[in-house]
Amino acid sequence: MLDEIDARQELEEKLREQINIDSLTGVYGRSYFLRLGDLELKRSRREGSSLFAVMIDIDLFKNINDTYGHPAGDAALKHFAAISKECLREIDVFGRLGGEEFALILAGADAQEAFEICERIRVSLEQAAVVTEAGLIELTASFGCAESNSKDKNIDSVLNRADKALYEAKSRGRNRVVMAGEISGGLLV
């Protein structure tokens, strides 16, 4: 009887993990990431600490799939996730939102530290080509980073500002980190 209970609990834990973890990259999936992000936002408010959200896109990812095939694209996604995990702090929340779009929650980081974490990932990715059956593929990524504020009802609002900063990074030529609030053509991002 106890063996059956242990086996059932182990199976339930494996199912929970499959639901919460992106099977390709091993990072949190979209819905679980957003739930954790909301919890981190509430915690940061309670503690009076800062929180940054980061939106990340692998640059020109469609070209990788179109040129080298989907297995190479999958290898690129796994490579990006592995490099990112190496650059993150233990407390950072990292997830895949879909396709080549990833996100971070950086609790307790100030603006300089948030920028440095993003920059560390960006440089590490740029310096380490991914090995695929189709050959070496060089990758870059664009980052948009935004700080939470008292008006944010949930993590989505912080991520929306980070997404606008991400699009600014892309419009500035990709392979860069843009912090929301930077001046761009006289407008605040």
C-alpha atoms as a PDB file:
ATOM      1  CA  MET A   1       0.000   0.000   0.000  1.00  0.00           C
ATOM      2  CA  LEU A   2       2.773   2.474   0.921  1.00  0.00           C
ATOM      3  CA  ASP A   3       4.627   1.582  -2.286  1.00  0.00           C
ATOM      4  CA  GLU A   4       1.513   2.445  -4.294  1.00  0.00           C
ATOM      5  CA  ILE A   5       1.177   5.784  -2.515  1.00  0.00           C
ATOM      6  CA  ASP A   6       4.873   6.584  -3.120  1.00  0.00           C
ATOM      7  CA  ALA A   7       4.548   5.619  -6.791  1.00  0.00           C
ATOM      8  CA  ARG A   8       1.439   7.777  -7.175  1.00  0.00           C
ATOM      9  CA  GLN A   9       3.106  10.767  -5.478  1.00  0.00           C
ATOM     10  CA  GLU A  10       6.158  10.359  -7.740  1.00  0.00           C
ATOM     11  CA  LEU A  11       3.912  10.232 -10.819  1.00  0.00           C
ATOM     12  CA  GLU A  12       1.995  13.321  -9.669  1.00  0.00           C
ATOM     13  CA  GLU A  13       5.279  15.200  -9.159  1.00  0.00           C
ATOM     14  CA  LYS A  14       6.462  14.216 -12.667  1.00  0.00           C
ATOM     15  CA  LEU A  15       3.154  15.420 -14.137  1.00  0.00           C
ATOM     16  CA  ARG A  16       3.416  18.739 -12.277  1.00  0.00           C
ATOM     17  CA  GLU A  17       6.937  19.184 -13.629  1.00  0.00           C
ATOM     18  CA  GLN A  18       5.797  18.414 -17.190  1.00  0.00           C
ATOM     19  CA  ILE A  19       3.061  21.017 -16.888  1.00  0.00           C
ATOM     20  CA  ASN A  20       5.362  23.694 -15.446  1.00  0.00           C
ATOM     21  CA  ILE A  21       8.592  23.080 -17.383  1.00  0.00           C
ATOM     22  CA  ASP A  22       9.139  23.685 -21.099  1.00  0.00           C
ATOM     23  CA  SER A  23      10.095  20.244 -22.398  1.00  0.00           C
ATOM     24  CA  LEU A  24      12.573  21.505 -25.011  1.00  0.00           C
ATOM     25  CA  THR A  25      14.586  24.009 -22.985  1.00  0.00           C
ATOM     26  CA  GLY A  26      14.073  22.849 -19.400  1.00  0.00           C
ATOM     27  CA  VAL A  27      13.035  26.332 -18.209  1.00  0.00           C
ATOM     28  CA  TYR A  28       9.653  27.353 -16.830  1.00  0.00           C
ATOM     29  CA  GLY A  29       6.749  27.329 -19.264  1.00  0.00           C
ATOM     30  CA  ARG A  30       4.643  30.423 -19.911  1.00  0.00           C
ATOM     31  CA  SER A  31       1.771  29.935 -17.452  1.00  0.00           C
ATOM     32  CA  TYR A  32       3.967  28.820 -14.562  1.00  0.00           C
ATOM     33  CA  PHE A  33       6.447  31.640 -15.251  1.00  0.00           C
ATOM     34  CA  LEU A  34       3.619  34.207 -15.148  1.00  0.00           C
ATOM     35  CA  ARG A  35       2.296  32.738 -11.883  1.00  0.00           C
ATOM     36  CA  LEU A  36       5.762  32.936 -10.329  1.00  0.00           C
ATOM     37  CA  GLY A  37       6.155  36.464 -11.682  1.00  0.00           C
ATOM     38  CA  ASP A  38       2.943  37.585  -9.983  1.00  0.00           C
ATOM     39  CA  LEU A  39       4.121  36.032  -6.716  1.00  0.00           C
ATOM     40  CA  GLU A  40       7.502  37.761  -7.000  1.00  0.00           C
ATOM     41  CA  LEU A  41       5.798  41.089  -7.704  1.00  0.00           C
ATOM     42  CA  LYS A  42       3.651  40.720  -4.563  1.00  0.00           C
ATOM     43  CA  ARG A  43       6.700  39.735  -2.527  1.00  0.00           C
ATOM     44  CA  SER A  44       8.724  42.700  -3.792  1.00  0.00           C
ATOM     45  CA  ARG A  45       5.903  45.046  -2.754  1.00  0.00           C
ATOM     46  CA  ARG A  46       5.642  43.487   0.711  1.00  0.00           C
ATOM     47  CA  GLU A  47       9.396  43.741   1.224  1.00  0.00           C
ATOM     48  CA  GLY A  48       9.772  47.114  -0.479  1.00  0.00           C
ATOM     49  CA  SER A  49      12.380  45.703  -2.826  1.00  0.00           C
ATOM     50  CA  SER A  50      12.895  46.281  -6.519  1.00  0.00           C
ATOM     51  CA  LEU A  51      11.881  43.931  -9.306  1.00  0.00           C
ATOM     52  CA  PHE A  52      12.783  43.986 -12.992  1.00  0.00           C
ATOM     53  CA  ALA A  53      11.126  42.053 -15.803  1.00  0.00           C
ATOM     54  CA  VAL A  54      13.049  41.275 -18.980  1.00  0.00           C
ATOM     55  CA  MET A  55      11.731  40.220 -22.373  1.00  0.00           C
ATOM     56  CA  ILE A  56      14.231  38.451 -24.653  1.00  0.00           C
ATOM     57  CA  ASP A  57      14.077  37.418 -28.307  1.00  0.00           C
ATOM     58  CA  ILE A  58      16.709  35.427 -30.144  1.00  0.00           C
ATOM     59  CA  ASP A  59      17.549  37.659 -33.093  1.00  0.00           C
ATOM     60  CA  LEU A  60      16.460  36.533 -36.568  1.00  0.00           C
ATOM     61  CA  PHE A  61      15.381  33.135 -35.255  1.00  0.00           C
ATOM     62  CA  LYS A  62      13.059  32.491 -38.203  1.00  0.00           C
ATOM     63  CA  ASN A  63      16.113  32.595 -40.480  1.00  0.00           C
ATOM     64  CA  ILE A  64      17.719  29.779 -38.461  1.00  0.00           C
ATOM     65  CA  ASN A  65      14.691  27.530 -38.943  1.00  0.00           C
ATOM     66  CA  ASP A  66      14.323  28.502 -42.610  1.00  0.00           C
ATOM     67  CA  THR A  67      18.039  28.113 -43.437  1.00  0.00           C
ATOM     68  CA  TYR A  68      19.126  25.191 -41.266  1.00  0.00           C
ATOM     69  CA  GLY A  69      15.856  23.446 -40.386  1.00  0.00           C
ATOM     70  CA  HIS A  70      13.840  22.984 -37.215  1.00  0.00           C
ATOM     71  CA  PRO A  71      16.328  20.601 -35.522  1.00  0.00           C
ATOM     72  CA  ALA A  72      18.916  23.407 -35.704  1.00  0.00           C
ATOM     73  CA  GLY A  73      16.330  25.848 -34.354  1.00  0.00           C
ATOM     74  CA  ASP A  74      15.634  23.509 -31.443  1.00  0.00           C
ATOM     75  CA  ALA A  75      19.378  23.233 -30.776  1.00  0.00           C
ATOM     76  CA  ALA A  76      19.618  27.041 -30.793  1.00  0.00           C
ATOM     77  CA  LEU A  77      16.782  27.341 -28.248  1.00  0.00           C
ATOM     78  CA  LYS A  78      18.405  24.762 -25.950  1.00  0.00           C
ATOM     79  CA  HIS A  79      21.774  26.504 -26.322  1.00  0.00           C
ATOM     80  CA  PHE A  80      20.289  29.888 -25.470  1.00  0.00           C
ATOM     81  CA  ALA A  81      18.523  28.487 -22.388  1.00  0.00           C
ATOM     82  CA  ALA A  82      21.695  26.758 -21.150  1.00  0.00           C
ATOM     83  CA  ILE A  83      23.848  29.870 -21.570  1.00  0.00           C
ATOM     84  CA  SER A  84      21.225  32.035 -19.883  1.00  0.00           C
ATOM     85  CA  LYS A  85      20.955  29.707 -16.877  1.00  0.00           C
ATOM     86  CA  GLU A  86      24.733  29.891 -16.393  1.00  0.00           C
ATOM     87  CA  CYS A  87      24.547  33.697 -16.226  1.00  0.00           C
ATOM     88  CA  LEU A  88      21.623  34.000 -13.827  1.00  0.00           C
ATOM     89  CA  ARG A  89      21.499  34.291 -10.075  1.00  0.00           C
ATOM     90  CA  GLU A  90      19.913  31.446  -8.153  1.00  0.00           C
ATOM     91  CA  ILE A  91      16.868  33.594  -7.283  1.00  0.00           C
ATOM     92  CA  ASP A  92      16.110  34.688 -10.862  1.00  0.00           C
ATOM     93  CA  VAL A  93      12.993  33.310 -12.565  1.00  0.00           C
ATOM     94  CA  PHE A  94      13.550  32.298 -16.204  1.00  0.00           C
ATOM     95  CA  GLY A  95      10.881  31.126 -18.621  1.00  0.00           C
ATOM     96  CA  ARG A  96      10.058  30.473 -22.244  1.00  0.00           C
ATOM     97  CA  LEU A  97       6.925  32.347 -23.267  1.00  0.00           C
ATOM     98  CA  GLY A  98       6.741  30.784 -26.720  1.00  0.00           C
ATOM     99  CA  GLY A  99       8.803  30.306 -29.871  1.00  0.00           C
ATOM    100  CA  GLU A 100      12.065  32.205 -29.452  1.00  0.00           C
ATOM    101  CA  GLU A 101      10.642  34.517 -26.790  1.00  0.00           C
ATOM    102  CA  PHE A 102      11.961  34.198 -23.239  1.00  0.00           C
ATOM    103  CA  ALA A 103      11.524  36.277 -20.080  1.00  0.00           C
ATOM    104  CA  LEU A 104      13.223  36.903 -16.752  1.00  0.00           C
ATOM    105  CA  ILE A 105      12.122  38.150 -13.374  1.00  0.00           C
ATOM    106  CA  LEU A 106      15.018  39.755 -11.499  1.00  0.00           C
ATOM    107  CA  ALA A 107      13.889  40.287  -7.905  1.00  0.00           C
ATOM    108  CA  GLY A 108      15.922  42.555  -5.678  1.00  0.00           C
ATOM    109  CA  ALA A 109      18.151  43.781  -8.501  1.00  0.00           C
ATOM    110  CA  ASP A 110      18.772  47.474  -9.055  1.00  0.00           C
ATOM    111  CA  ALA A 111      18.864  48.937 -12.571  1.00  0.00           C
ATOM    112  CA  GLN A 112      22.625  48.485 -12.921  1.00  0.00           C
ATOM    113  CA  GLU A 113      22.527  44.860 -11.787  1.00  0.00           C
ATOM    114  CA  ALA A 114      19.554  44.090 -14.064  1.00  0.00           C
ATOM    115  CA  PHE A 115      21.423  45.592 -17.004  1.00  0.00           C
ATOM    116  CA  GLU A 116      24.591  43.652 -16.120  1.00  0.00           C
ATOM    117  CA  ILE A 117      22.738  40.325 -15.911  1.00  0.00           C
ATOM    118  CA  CYS A 118      21.182  40.912 -19.346  1.00  0.00           C
ATOM    119  CA  GLU A 119      24.479  42.062 -20.780  1.00  0.00           C
ATOM    120  CA  ARG A 120      26.274  38.998 -19.373  1.00  0.00           C
ATOM    121  CA  ILE A 121      23.790  36.720 -21.172  1.00  0.00           C
ATOM    122  CA  ARG A 122      24.011  38.768 -24.379  1.00  0.00           C
ATOM    123  CA  VAL A 123      27.826  38.680 -24.508  1.00  0.00           C
ATOM    124  CA  SER A 124      28.037  34.991 -23.532  1.00  0.00           C
ATOM    125  CA  LEU A 125      25.580  34.081 -26.286  1.00  0.00           C
ATOM    126  CA  GLU A 126      27.405  36.179 -28.858  1.00  0.00           C
ATOM    127  CA  GLN A 127      30.717  34.473 -27.988  1.00  0.00           C
ATOM    128  CA  ALA A 128      29.500  30.847 -28.084  1.00  0.00           C
ATOM    129  CA  ALA A 129      28.178  29.513 -31.380  1.00  0.00           C
ATOM    130  CA  VAL A 130      25.765  26.603 -31.184  1.00  0.00           C
ATOM    131  CA  VAL A 131      26.906  23.293 -32.655  1.00  0.00           C
ATOM    132  CA  THR A 132      24.246  21.683 -34.836  1.00  0.00           C
ATOM    133  CA  GLU A 133      24.178  18.942 -37.446  1.00  0.00           C
ATOM    134  CA  ALA A 134      23.972  21.763 -40.001  1.00  0.00           C
ATOM    135  CA  GLY A 135      27.200  23.292 -38.619  1.00  0.00           C
ATOM    136  CA  LEU A 136      28.039  26.150 -36.270  1.00  0.00           C
ATOM    137  CA  ILE A 137      25.406  28.847 -35.923  1.00  0.00           C
ATOM    138  CA  GLU A 138      26.137  32.180 -34.314  1.00  0.00           C
ATOM    139  CA  LEU A 139      23.362  33.606 -32.175  1.00  0.00           C
ATOM    140  CA  THR A 140      22.537  36.998 -30.743  1.00  0.00           C
ATOM    141  CA  ALA A 141      19.597  38.206 -28.691  1.00  0.00           C
ATOM    142  CA  SER A 142      17.794  41.450 -27.936  1.00  0.00           C
ATOM    143  CA  PHE A 143      16.680  42.394 -24.415  1.00  0.00           C
ATOM    144  CA  GLY A 144      14.060  44.789 -23.077  1.00  0.00           C
ATOM    145  CA  CYS A 145      14.113  45.469 -19.345  1.00  0.00           C
ATOM    146  CA  ALA A 146      11.563  47.305 -17.163  1.00  0.00           C
ATOM    147  CA  GLU A 147      11.250  47.986 -13.446  1.00  0.00           C
ATOM    148  CA  SER A 148       8.007  47.379 -11.602  1.00  0.00           C
ATOM    149  CA  ASN A 149       6.186  50.308 -10.061  1.00  0.00           C
ATOM    150  CA  SER A 150       3.251  50.888  -7.701  1.00  0.00           C
ATOM    151  CA  LYS A 151       0.762  51.089 -10.616  1.00  0.00           C
ATOM    152  CA  ASP A 152       1.470  47.519 -11.777  1.00  0.00           C
ATOM    153  CA  LYS A 153      -1.494  45.290 -10.987  1.00  0.00           C
ATOM    154  CA  ASN A 154       0.347  42.147 -12.120  1.00  0.00           C
ATOM    155  CA  ILE A 155       3.536  41.002 -13.796  1.00  0.00           C
ATOM    156  CA  ASP A 156       1.957  41.382 -17.256  1.00  0.00           C
ATOM    157  CA  SER A 157       2.063  45.168 -16.990  1.00  0.00           C
ATOM    158  CA  VAL A 158       5.797  45.098 -16.198  1.00  0.00           C
ATOM    159  CA  LEU A 159       6.384  42.630 -19.036  1.00  0.00           C
ATOM    160  CA  ASN A 160       4.464  44.910 -21.426  1.00  0.00           C
ATOM    161  CA  ARG A 161       6.882  47.761 -20.711  1.00  0.00           C
ATOM    162  CA  ALA A 162       9.797  45.346 -21.068  1.00  0.00           C
ATOM    163  CA  ASP A 163       8.334  44.242 -24.414  1.00  0.00           C
ATOM    164  CA  LYS A 164       8.278  47.859 -25.635  1.00  0.00           C
ATOM    165  CA  ALA A 165      11.926  48.187 -24.614  1.00  0.00           C
ATOM    166  CA  LEU A 166      12.645  44.925 -26.477  1.00  0.00           C
ATOM    167  CA  TYR A 167      11.162  46.372 -29.668  1.00  0.00           C
ATOM    168  CA  GLU A 168      13.303  49.453 -29.164  1.00  0.00           C
ATOM    169  CA  ALA A 169      16.371  47.167 -28.901  1.00  0.00           C
ATOM    170  CA  LYS A 170      15.397  45.548 -32.186  1.00  0.00           C
ATOM    171  CA  SER A 171      14.828  48.895 -33.878  1.00  0.00           C
ATOM    172  CA  ARG A 172      18.283  50.016 -32.744  1.00  0.00           C
ATOM    173  CA  GLY A 173      19.871  47.108 -34.608  1.00  0.00           C
ATOM    174  CA  ARG A 174      19.348  44.063 -32.345  1.00  0.00           C
ATOM    175  CA  ASN A 175      21.912  42.337 -30.099  1.00  0.00           C
ATOM    176  CA  ARG A 176      21.551  44.892 -27.313  1.00  0.00           C
ATOM    177  CA  VAL A 177      19.922  45.600 -23.973  1.00  0.00           C
ATOM    178  CA  VAL A 178      17.455  48.492 -23.677  1.00  0.00           C
ATOM    179  CA  MET A 179      16.143  49.617 -20.316  1.00  0.00           C
ATOM    180  CA  ALA A 180      12.589  51.012 -20.320  1.00  0.00           C
ATOM    181  CA  GLY A 181      12.753  54.723 -19.694  1.00  0.00           C
ATOM    182  CA  GLU A 182      15.782  55.309 -21.924  1.00  0.00           C
ATOM    183  CA  ILE A 183      15.330  58.289 -24.224  1.00  0.00           C
ATOM    184  CA  SER A 184      14.777  57.318 -27.845  1.00  0.00           C
ATOM    185  CA  GLY A 185      14.112  60.105 -30.311  1.00  0.00           C
ATOM    186  CA  GLY A 186      12.777  62.289 -27.522  1.00  0.00           C
ATOM    187  CA  LEU A 187      10.215  59.705 -26.338  1.00  0.00           C
ATOM    188  CA  LEU A 188      10.349  57.615 -23.222  1.00  0.00           C
ATOM    189  CA  VAL A 189      10.220  53.912 -23.947  1.00  0.00           C
END
